């Protein structure tokens, strides 16, 4: 694969296929619960003074854009789909349809990306207009054999980088494939729960990005891993109300 309070009472095995091998995701929790958080104050977007040979541009008098950046892998990028069928673009359409004219959803998904890759580029995607960072990374870590400790630390560093800039965060969990063994599966699942507890009250948490989609052939492409347009719509339908709540909390309506 190139990819408020969690309910931990159920985990269902979901069979997927990758390169002809069976891979399963265990859906640890329902995506319908997530941790509320108190948004931090936004950092100033003003620029420092300096000399210039030309005239100084006047500050924009228009309303400030409200960007939501989706930092992820192929699941976010929409591998195998048209650009407008990827779930960040579907969420953008939902915001526009409800009159959120200032909200811009930015798809920063890159196929094959890991949490290490996301950490390397997080500062680049957090421009001054970004108010919410959605983090949907980790599936490729498992497929590439990164330790769960590495995945945890990379994700924590991404969350810290966003919060240091006053950006609200939503973290989506993933699950490890069964062919890596139950011990790894359990540890991989646990790292997201640890992060949810570690950042409780500061980060919104969606336990499983592919809740209701993984393992359903009717909602996935032929590889059995990447959602088709119907699966992407289900992801967007599940995430949108939670993101809209964060936008309203931070003050991005308009």
Protein backbone atom coordinates (compact mmCIF):
# COMPACT_ATOMS: atom_id res chain seq x y z
CA UNK A 1 0.00 0.00 0.00
CA UNK A 2 1.34 3.37 -1.00
CA UNK A 3 -1.96 4.50 2.36
CA UNK A 4 -14.28 11.90 21.50
CA UNK A 5 -12.63 9.05 23.03
CA UNK A 6 -11.69 5.87 21.29
CA UNK A 7 -13.85 2.82 21.78
CA UNK A 8 -11.53 -0.14 22.30
CA UNK A 9 -14.10 -2.84 22.97
CA UNK A 10 -14.08 -4.39 19.52
CA UNK A 11 -11.63 -5.30 16.82
CA UNK A 12 -12.70 -6.97 13.59
CA UNK A 13 -10.34 -8.68 11.14
CA UNK A 14 -10.61 -7.38 7.60
CA UNK A 15 -9.01 -9.28 4.72
CA UNK A 16 -7.11 -7.31 2.04
CA UNK A 17 -4.79 -8.26 -0.83
CA UNK A 18 -1.37 -6.77 -1.64
CA UNK A 19 0.87 -8.13 -4.41
CA UNK A 20 -1.04 -11.36 -4.37
CA UNK A 21 -0.64 -11.79 -0.59
CA UNK A 22 -3.48 -11.60 1.92
CA UNK A 23 -3.18 -8.61 4.21
CA UNK A 24 -5.67 -7.72 6.94
CA UNK A 25 -6.48 -4.64 8.90
CA UNK A 26 -8.13 -5.00 12.31
CA UNK A 27 -10.57 -2.18 12.79
CA UNK A 28 -9.83 -1.32 16.39
CA UNK A 29 -12.47 1.26 17.12
CA UNK A 30 -15.40 3.06 15.60
CA UNK A 31 -14.63 6.20 13.64
CA UNK A 32 -17.75 7.72 15.17
CA UNK A 33 -15.95 8.75 18.37
CA UNK A 34 -13.01 11.08 18.60
CA UNK A 35 -11.25 13.22 21.16
CA UNK A 36 -12.34 16.82 21.35
CA UNK A 37 -9.54 19.27 21.78
CA UNK A 38 -9.05 22.86 22.74
CA UNK A 39 -7.49 24.69 19.81
CA UNK A 40 -4.37 26.62 20.67
CA UNK A 41 -4.04 30.28 19.80
CA UNK A 42 -2.87 30.75 16.24
CA UNK A 43 0.58 32.14 15.74
CA UNK A 44 0.95 35.53 14.10
CA UNK A 45 1.12 35.47 10.33
CA UNK A 46 2.79 38.87 10.10
CA UNK A 47 6.17 39.25 8.45
CA UNK A 48 9.22 40.89 9.89
CA UNK A 49 10.43 44.28 8.76
CA UNK A 50 13.18 44.61 6.21
CA UNK A 51 14.52 46.77 3.43
CA UNK A 52 13.18 46.51 -0.08
CA UNK A 53 14.00 48.23 -3.33
CA UNK A 54 10.33 48.28 -4.31
CA UNK A 55 7.12 49.40 -2.62
CA UNK A 56 5.88 47.47 0.36
CA UNK A 57 2.73 45.53 -0.44
CA UNK A 58 -0.26 46.51 1.65
CA UNK A 59 -1.80 43.79 3.81
CA UNK A 60 -4.69 42.00 2.19
CA UNK A 61 -8.01 43.50 3.20
CA UNK A 62 -9.92 40.36 2.25
CA UNK A 63 -10.95 37.59 4.65
CA UNK A 64 -8.25 35.13 5.68
CA UNK A 65 -8.42 31.70 4.11
CA UNK A 66 -8.87 28.72 6.43
CA UNK A 67 -6.75 25.83 5.20
CA UNK A 68 -7.08 22.20 6.19
CA UNK A 69 -4.04 20.19 5.07
CA UNK A 70 -4.37 16.43 4.66
CA UNK A 71 -0.94 14.90 5.28
CA UNK A 72 -1.02 11.30 4.15
CA UNK A 73 -0.04 8.56 1.73
CA UNK A 74 -1.76 6.97 -1.27
CA UNK A 75 -5.03 6.59 0.64
CA UNK A 76 -5.14 10.36 1.02
CA UNK A 77 -3.69 11.10 -2.41
CA UNK A 78 -6.45 9.00 -3.99
CA UNK A 79 -4.31 6.51 -5.89
CA UNK A 80 -6.31 5.07 -8.79
CA UNK A 81 -8.98 7.78 -8.59
CA UNK A 82 -9.59 11.05 -10.34
CA UNK A 83 -8.31 13.96 -8.26
CA UNK A 84 -11.83 15.10 -7.44
CA UNK A 85 -12.69 11.62 -6.14
CA UNK A 86 -10.06 11.57 -3.37
CA UNK A 87 -11.62 12.06 0.05
CA UNK A 88 -9.97 15.47 0.78
CA UNK A 89 -11.57 16.89 -2.37
CA UNK A 90 -14.92 15.33 -1.45
CA UNK A 91 -14.67 17.01 1.96
CA UNK A 92 -13.90 20.31 0.23
CA UNK A 93 -17.11 19.92 -1.77
CA UNK A 94 -19.06 19.31 1.42
CA UNK A 95 -17.68 22.47 3.06
CA UNK A 96 -18.51 24.54 -0.02
CA UNK A 97 -22.00 23.06 -0.15
CA UNK A 98 -22.66 24.19 3.41
CA UNK A 99 -21.44 27.73 2.82
CA UNK A 100 -17.92 27.49 4.28
CA UNK A 101 -16.56 29.78 1.60
CA UNK A 102 -13.20 30.42 3.31
CA UNK A 103 -12.27 26.78 3.87
CA UNK A 104 -9.65 25.29 1.53
CA UNK A 105 -8.86 21.58 1.75
CA UNK A 106 -5.30 20.87 0.60
CA UNK A 107 -4.44 17.32 -0.43
CA UNK A 108 -0.85 16.71 0.70
CA UNK A 109 -1.01 12.95 0.25
CA UNK A 110 1.98 11.28 -1.43
CA UNK A 111 1.84 7.66 -2.55
CA UNK A 112 4.30 5.49 -0.64
CA UNK A 113 4.88 8.02 2.11
CA UNK A 114 5.74 6.92 5.63
CA UNK A 115 5.57 8.76 8.93
CA UNK A 116 9.25 9.59 8.46
CA UNK A 117 8.47 11.19 5.12
CA UNK A 118 5.55 13.07 6.62
CA UNK A 119 7.80 14.40 9.38
CA UNK A 120 10.35 15.62 6.84
CA UNK A 121 7.76 17.66 4.95
CA UNK A 122 5.36 18.77 7.68
CA UNK A 123 6.98 22.21 8.08
CA UNK A 124 6.68 22.78 4.34
CA UNK A 125 2.92 22.21 4.33
CA UNK A 126 2.20 24.32 7.42
CA UNK A 127 2.01 27.75 5.82
CA UNK A 128 0.49 30.64 7.84
CA UNK A 129 -3.05 30.03 6.56
CA UNK A 130 -3.16 26.40 7.73
CA UNK A 131 -5.50 26.06 10.68
CA UNK A 132 -6.02 22.28 10.81
CA UNK A 133 -3.64 19.43 9.99
CA UNK A 134 -5.18 16.03 9.28
CA UNK A 135 -2.62 13.24 9.73
CA UNK A 136 -3.33 9.93 7.99
CA UNK A 137 0.00 8.10 7.98
CA UNK A 138 1.40 4.79 9.19
CA UNK A 139 0.24 2.05 6.83
CA UNK A 140 3.46 2.11 4.82
CA UNK A 141 5.51 2.00 8.01
CA UNK A 142 4.08 -1.43 8.72
CA UNK A 143 4.59 -2.66 5.16
CA UNK A 144 8.20 -1.47 5.22
CA UNK A 145 8.96 -2.94 8.62
CA UNK A 146 9.52 0.18 10.66
CA UNK A 147 9.39 -0.44 14.38
CA UNK A 148 6.27 0.69 16.19
CA UNK A 149 8.50 2.90 18.32
CA UNK A 150 9.71 4.72 15.22
CA UNK A 151 6.17 5.19 13.95
CA UNK A 152 5.02 6.51 17.33
CA UNK A 153 7.90 8.96 17.61
CA UNK A 154 7.51 10.24 14.05
CA UNK A 155 3.79 10.84 14.51
CA UNK A 156 4.38 12.55 17.86
CA UNK A 157 6.92 14.85 16.23
CA UNK A 158 4.40 15.72 13.47
CA UNK A 159 1.74 16.55 16.06
CA UNK A 160 4.23 18.64 18.04
CA UNK A 161 5.28 20.56 14.92
CA UNK A 162 1.67 21.46 14.16
CA UNK A 163 0.85 22.46 17.70
CA UNK A 164 3.97 24.61 17.94
CA UNK A 165 2.45 26.70 15.14
CA UNK A 166 -0.97 26.87 16.77
CA UNK A 167 -2.52 24.46 14.26
CA UNK A 168 -5.35 22.16 15.29
CA UNK A 169 -4.77 18.47 14.59
CA UNK A 170 -6.82 15.42 13.74
CA UNK A 171 -5.01 12.07 13.80
CA UNK A 172 -6.38 9.02 11.99
CA UNK A 173 -5.29 5.57 13.11
CA UNK A 174 -4.26 2.69 10.89
CA UNK A 175 -3.84 -1.05 11.40
CA UNK A 176 -0.98 -3.40 10.57
CA UNK A 177 -1.27 -6.37 8.16
CA UNK A 178 -1.69 -9.83 9.65
CA UNK A 179 1.34 -11.26 7.84
CA UNK A 180 3.61 -9.32 10.21
CA UNK A 181 2.37 -11.32 13.18
CA UNK A 182 -0.02 -10.70 16.04
CA UNK A 183 2.60 -9.14 18.32
CA UNK A 184 3.38 -6.47 15.74
CA UNK A 185 -0.31 -5.96 14.99
CA UNK A 186 -1.08 -5.42 18.66
CA UNK A 187 1.85 -3.05 19.15
CA UNK A 188 0.95 -1.10 16.00
CA UNK A 189 -2.64 -0.70 17.14
CA UNK A 190 -1.47 0.32 20.62
CA UNK A 191 0.80 3.12 19.37
CA UNK A 192 -2.20 5.10 18.07
CA UNK A 193 -4.08 4.58 21.33
CA UNK A 194 -0.98 5.78 23.19
CA UNK A 195 -0.85 8.90 21.05
CA UNK A 196 -4.57 9.55 21.61
CA UNK A 197 -3.99 9.34 25.35
CA UNK A 198 -0.74 11.31 25.23
CA UNK A 199 -2.41 14.17 23.36
CA UNK A 200 -5.83 13.86 24.96
CA UNK A 201 -7.64 17.18 24.91
CA UNK A 202 -5.25 18.57 22.29
CA UNK A 203 -5.68 16.31 19.27
CA UNK A 204 -8.86 14.92 17.73
CA UNK A 205 -8.58 11.18 17.15
CA UNK A 206 -10.23 8.97 14.54
CA UNK A 207 -9.35 5.38 15.47
CA UNK A 208 -9.30 3.91 11.95
CA UNK A 209 -9.18 5.83 8.68
CA UNK A 210 -10.67 2.93 6.69
CA UNK A 211 -13.52 2.17 9.09
CA UNK A 212 -16.39 0.62 7.14
CA UNK A 213 -14.33 0.43 3.95
CA UNK A 214 -11.41 -1.95 4.52
CA UNK A 215 -12.13 -5.54 3.54
CA UNK A 216 -15.23 -4.74 1.48
CA UNK A 217 -14.59 -5.61 -2.18
CA UNK A 218 -17.44 -3.34 -3.30
CA UNK A 219 -15.67 -0.32 -1.76
CA UNK A 220 -12.12 -1.02 -2.87
CA UNK A 221 -10.17 -1.17 -6.09
CA UNK A 222 -8.90 -4.42 -7.54
CA UNK A 223 -5.83 -4.41 -5.28
CA UNK A 224 -8.13 -4.79 -2.29
CA UNK A 225 -6.38 -1.95 -0.47
CA UNK A 226 -7.14 1.41 -2.02
CA UNK A 227 -10.73 2.66 -1.78
CA UNK A 228 -12.67 3.15 -4.97
CA UNK A 229 -14.84 6.23 -5.46
CA UNK A 230 -17.60 4.75 -3.28
CA UNK A 231 -15.13 3.88 -0.50
CA UNK A 232 -13.61 7.36 -0.65
CA UNK A 233 -17.09 8.84 -0.30
CA UNK A 234 -17.69 6.81 2.87
CA UNK A 235 -14.42 8.07 4.34
CA UNK A 236 -15.36 11.66 3.46
CA UNK A 237 -18.85 11.23 4.93
CA UNK A 238 -17.36 9.96 8.20
CA UNK A 239 -14.64 12.62 8.52
CA UNK A 240 -16.55 15.71 7.40
CA UNK A 241 -18.78 16.25 10.48
CA UNK A 242 -15.76 15.97 12.76
CA UNK A 243 -13.67 18.35 10.71
CA UNK A 244 -16.60 20.76 10.48
CA UNK A 245 -16.79 20.72 14.30
CA UNK A 246 -13.10 21.64 14.51
CA UNK A 247 -13.54 24.41 11.95
CA UNK A 248 -16.42 25.82 13.98
CA UNK A 249 -14.41 25.60 17.22
CA UNK A 250 -11.47 27.44 15.70
CA UNK A 251 -13.66 29.99 13.97
CA UNK A 252 -13.41 29.14 10.30
CA UNK A 253 -17.02 29.60 9.26
CA UNK A 254 -17.90 32.07 6.58
